[in-house]
């Protein structure tokens, strides 16, 4: 996507946020149960997208193990790989992984959060958190973030092998 198209999308997102804020001021406050249900719907859709992206990385880099994650830390997936590097009669274990999780619902925060952690050959490559209030979530934006982080990891990993 070229810069002009991305700029238009950014402006549209900004206008959407402004409109949502004004509607939010006029609308009633969502109950905790409604926020919980909203979070659950987003979580299911995004964790499925995370799984699809990470499975595609595994297809391109044989040796990675794929694992669906459902834990108290969140829902999503992780891929990991252990390599053995031999040099001068010595061996060195090299660990690579990428984990993307949608964190659990918190009634006090009222946000949807994506946590991304990546390690490439024993070096932390990324540690990021992306979040929006549940009433302002743009699923297309979150899917794009998931895609970007998966692509970033693939590029970093392929540059070191």
Protein backbone atom coordinates (compact mmCIF):
# COMPACT_ATOMS: atom_id res chain seq x y z
CA UNK A 1 0.00 0.00 0.00
CA UNK A 2 1.52 3.36 -1.01
CA UNK A 3 1.88 6.35 1.32
CA UNK A 4 -1.15 8.23 -0.02
CA UNK A 5 -3.45 5.27 0.58
CA UNK A 6 -2.04 4.75 4.07
CA UNK A 7 -2.45 8.48 4.78
CA UNK A 8 -6.09 8.35 3.70
CA UNK A 9 -6.67 5.33 5.95
CA UNK A 10 -5.02 7.15 8.88
CA UNK A 11 -7.24 10.18 8.34
CA UNK A 12 -10.33 7.96 8.11
CA UNK A 13 -9.34 6.20 11.35
CA UNK A 14 -8.88 9.56 13.05
CA UNK A 15 -12.30 10.74 11.89
CA UNK A 16 -13.80 7.44 13.02
CA UNK A 17 -12.25 7.85 16.48
CA UNK A 18 -13.59 11.41 16.70
CA UNK A 19 -17.07 10.24 15.72
CA UNK A 20 -16.92 7.38 18.19
CA UNK A 21 -15.93 9.72 20.99
CA UNK A 22 -18.85 12.02 20.33
CA UNK A 23 -21.25 9.05 20.11
CA UNK A 24 -19.76 7.63 23.25
CA UNK A 25 -20.44 10.83 25.16
CA UNK A 26 -24.07 10.66 24.11
CA UNK A 27 -24.54 6.93 24.42
CA UNK A 28 -25.00 5.02 27.63
CA UNK A 29 -22.01 3.39 29.23
CA UNK A 30 -21.60 -0.26 28.28
CA UNK A 31 -22.04 -2.69 31.13
CA UNK A 32 -19.17 -4.95 32.18
CA UNK A 33 -20.95 -7.95 30.66
CA UNK A 34 -21.35 -6.16 27.32
CA UNK A 35 -17.65 -5.22 27.35
CA UNK A 36 -16.73 -8.82 28.22
CA UNK A 37 -18.81 -10.11 25.28
CA UNK A 38 -17.28 -7.53 22.94
CA UNK A 39 -13.78 -8.55 24.05
CA UNK A 40 -14.58 -12.25 23.58
CA UNK A 41 -15.75 -11.65 20.01
CA UNK A 42 -12.64 -9.67 19.13
CA UNK A 43 -10.40 -12.21 20.87
CA UNK A 44 -11.80 -15.13 18.88
CA UNK A 45 -11.45 -13.38 15.55
CA UNK A 46 -7.94 -12.08 16.22
CA UNK A 47 -6.59 -15.31 17.71
CA UNK A 48 -7.75 -17.14 14.56
CA UNK A 49 -5.89 -14.58 12.44
CA UNK A 50 -2.77 -14.97 14.58
CA UNK A 51 -2.87 -18.75 14.09
CA UNK A 52 -3.20 -18.38 10.31
CA UNK A 53 -0.23 -15.99 10.10
CA UNK A 54 2.07 -18.08 12.27
CA UNK A 55 1.17 -21.29 10.43
CA UNK A 56 2.23 -19.60 7.18
CA UNK A 57 5.59 -18.71 8.71
CA UNK A 58 6.05 -22.36 9.75
CA UNK A 59 5.35 -23.40 6.14
CA UNK A 60 8.18 -21.18 4.90
CA UNK A 61 10.67 -22.02 7.66
CA UNK A 62 10.65 -25.78 8.32
CA UNK A 63 11.79 -26.68 11.80
CA UNK A 64 9.53 -24.31 13.68
CA UNK A 65 6.99 -25.89 16.02
CA UNK A 66 3.53 -24.32 16.07
CA UNK A 67 1.50 -24.18 19.26
CA UNK A 68 -1.92 -22.71 19.96
CA UNK A 69 -1.89 -20.78 23.24
CA UNK A 70 -4.83 -20.65 25.62
CA UNK A 71 -3.56 -19.60 29.02
CA UNK A 72 -3.96 -17.03 31.77
CA UNK A 73 -1.58 -14.82 29.74
CA UNK A 74 -3.95 -14.77 26.75
CA UNK A 75 -5.10 -16.47 23.57
CA UNK A 76 -3.17 -16.76 20.35
CA UNK A 77 -0.24 -18.80 19.12
CA UNK A 78 3.51 -19.24 19.27
CA UNK A 79 6.14 -20.73 17.06
CA UNK A 80 9.56 -21.78 18.27
CA UNK A 81 12.67 -23.46 17.08
CA UNK A 82 15.93 -24.68 18.59
CA UNK A 83 18.99 -24.85 16.36
CA UNK A 84 22.41 -26.25 17.09
CA UNK A 85 25.40 -24.33 15.73
CA UNK A 86 28.68 -26.18 15.46
CA UNK A 87 31.93 -24.23 15.23
CA UNK A 88 35.45 -25.25 16.15
CA UNK A 89 34.34 -28.42 17.90
CA UNK A 90 31.95 -26.47 20.12
CA UNK A 91 28.22 -26.47 19.95
CA UNK A 92 25.90 -23.57 20.64
CA UNK A 93 22.13 -23.77 21.07
CA UNK A 94 20.20 -21.03 19.25
CA UNK A 95 16.60 -20.37 20.25
CA UNK A 96 14.05 -18.52 18.09
CA UNK A 97 10.39 -17.86 18.83
CA UNK A 98 7.45 -15.62 18.04
CA UNK A 99 4.44 -15.35 20.32
CA UNK A 100 1.31 -13.28 19.70
CA UNK A 101 -1.43 -13.16 22.31
CA UNK A 102 -4.66 -11.30 22.88
CA UNK A 103 -4.56 -10.60 26.60
CA UNK A 104 -7.51 -11.50 28.87
CA UNK A 105 -10.37 -9.10 29.55
CA UNK A 106 -9.93 -6.69 32.44
CA UNK A 107 -13.06 -4.79 33.52
CA UNK A 108 -10.99 -1.96 34.98
CA UNK A 109 -8.99 -1.39 31.78
CA UNK A 110 -11.70 -2.01 29.17
CA UNK A 111 -9.14 -2.51 26.42
CA UNK A 112 -8.24 -5.01 23.73
CA UNK A 113 -4.51 -5.69 23.89
CA UNK A 114 -2.20 -7.58 21.55
CA UNK A 115 1.11 -8.70 23.05
CA UNK A 116 3.95 -9.66 20.68
CA UNK A 117 7.28 -11.19 21.73
CA UNK A 118 9.94 -12.36 19.34
CA UNK A 119 13.42 -13.81 19.75
CA UNK A 120 15.77 -14.61 16.88
CA UNK A 121 18.78 -16.81 17.56
CA UNK A 122 18.90 -16.00 21.31
CA UNK A 123 18.42 -12.25 20.82
CA UNK A 124 15.22 -10.45 21.67
CA UNK A 125 13.98 -9.09 18.36
CA UNK A 126 10.70 -7.52 19.43
CA UNK A 127 8.55 -6.94 22.44
CA UNK A 128 5.49 -4.89 21.68
CA UNK A 129 2.02 -4.24 23.01
CA UNK A 130 -0.77 -2.72 20.97
CA UNK A 131 -4.07 -1.75 22.55
CA UNK A 132 -7.28 0.22 22.04
CA UNK A 133 -10.34 0.79 24.16
CA UNK A 134 -12.95 -1.84 23.41
CA UNK A 135 -15.40 0.79 22.16
CA UNK A 136 -12.82 2.11 19.65
CA UNK A 137 -11.40 -1.14 18.22
CA UNK A 138 -10.74 -1.32 14.49
CA UNK A 139 -10.35 -5.04 13.66
CA UNK A 140 -8.79 -4.28 10.28
CA UNK A 141 -6.09 -2.26 12.03
CA UNK A 142 -5.42 -5.09 14.49
CA UNK A 143 -5.21 -7.64 11.66
CA UNK A 144 -2.76 -5.35 9.87
CA UNK A 145 -0.65 -5.10 13.06
CA UNK A 146 -0.59 -8.88 13.34
CA UNK A 147 0.49 -9.16 9.71
CA UNK A 148 3.19 -6.51 10.16
CA UNK A 149 4.67 -8.18 13.23
CA UNK A 150 4.67 -11.62 11.56
CA UNK A 151 6.36 -10.18 8.47
CA UNK A 152 8.89 -8.31 10.61
CA UNK A 153 9.79 -11.52 12.43
CA UNK A 154 10.12 -13.48 9.17
CA UNK A 155 12.43 -10.83 7.76
CA UNK A 156 14.60 -10.75 10.89
CA UNK A 157 14.80 -14.53 11.04
CA UNK A 158 15.66 -14.96 7.36
CA UNK A 159 18.38 -12.29 7.64
CA UNK A 160 20.19 -14.30 10.33
CA UNK A 161 20.07 -17.79 8.82
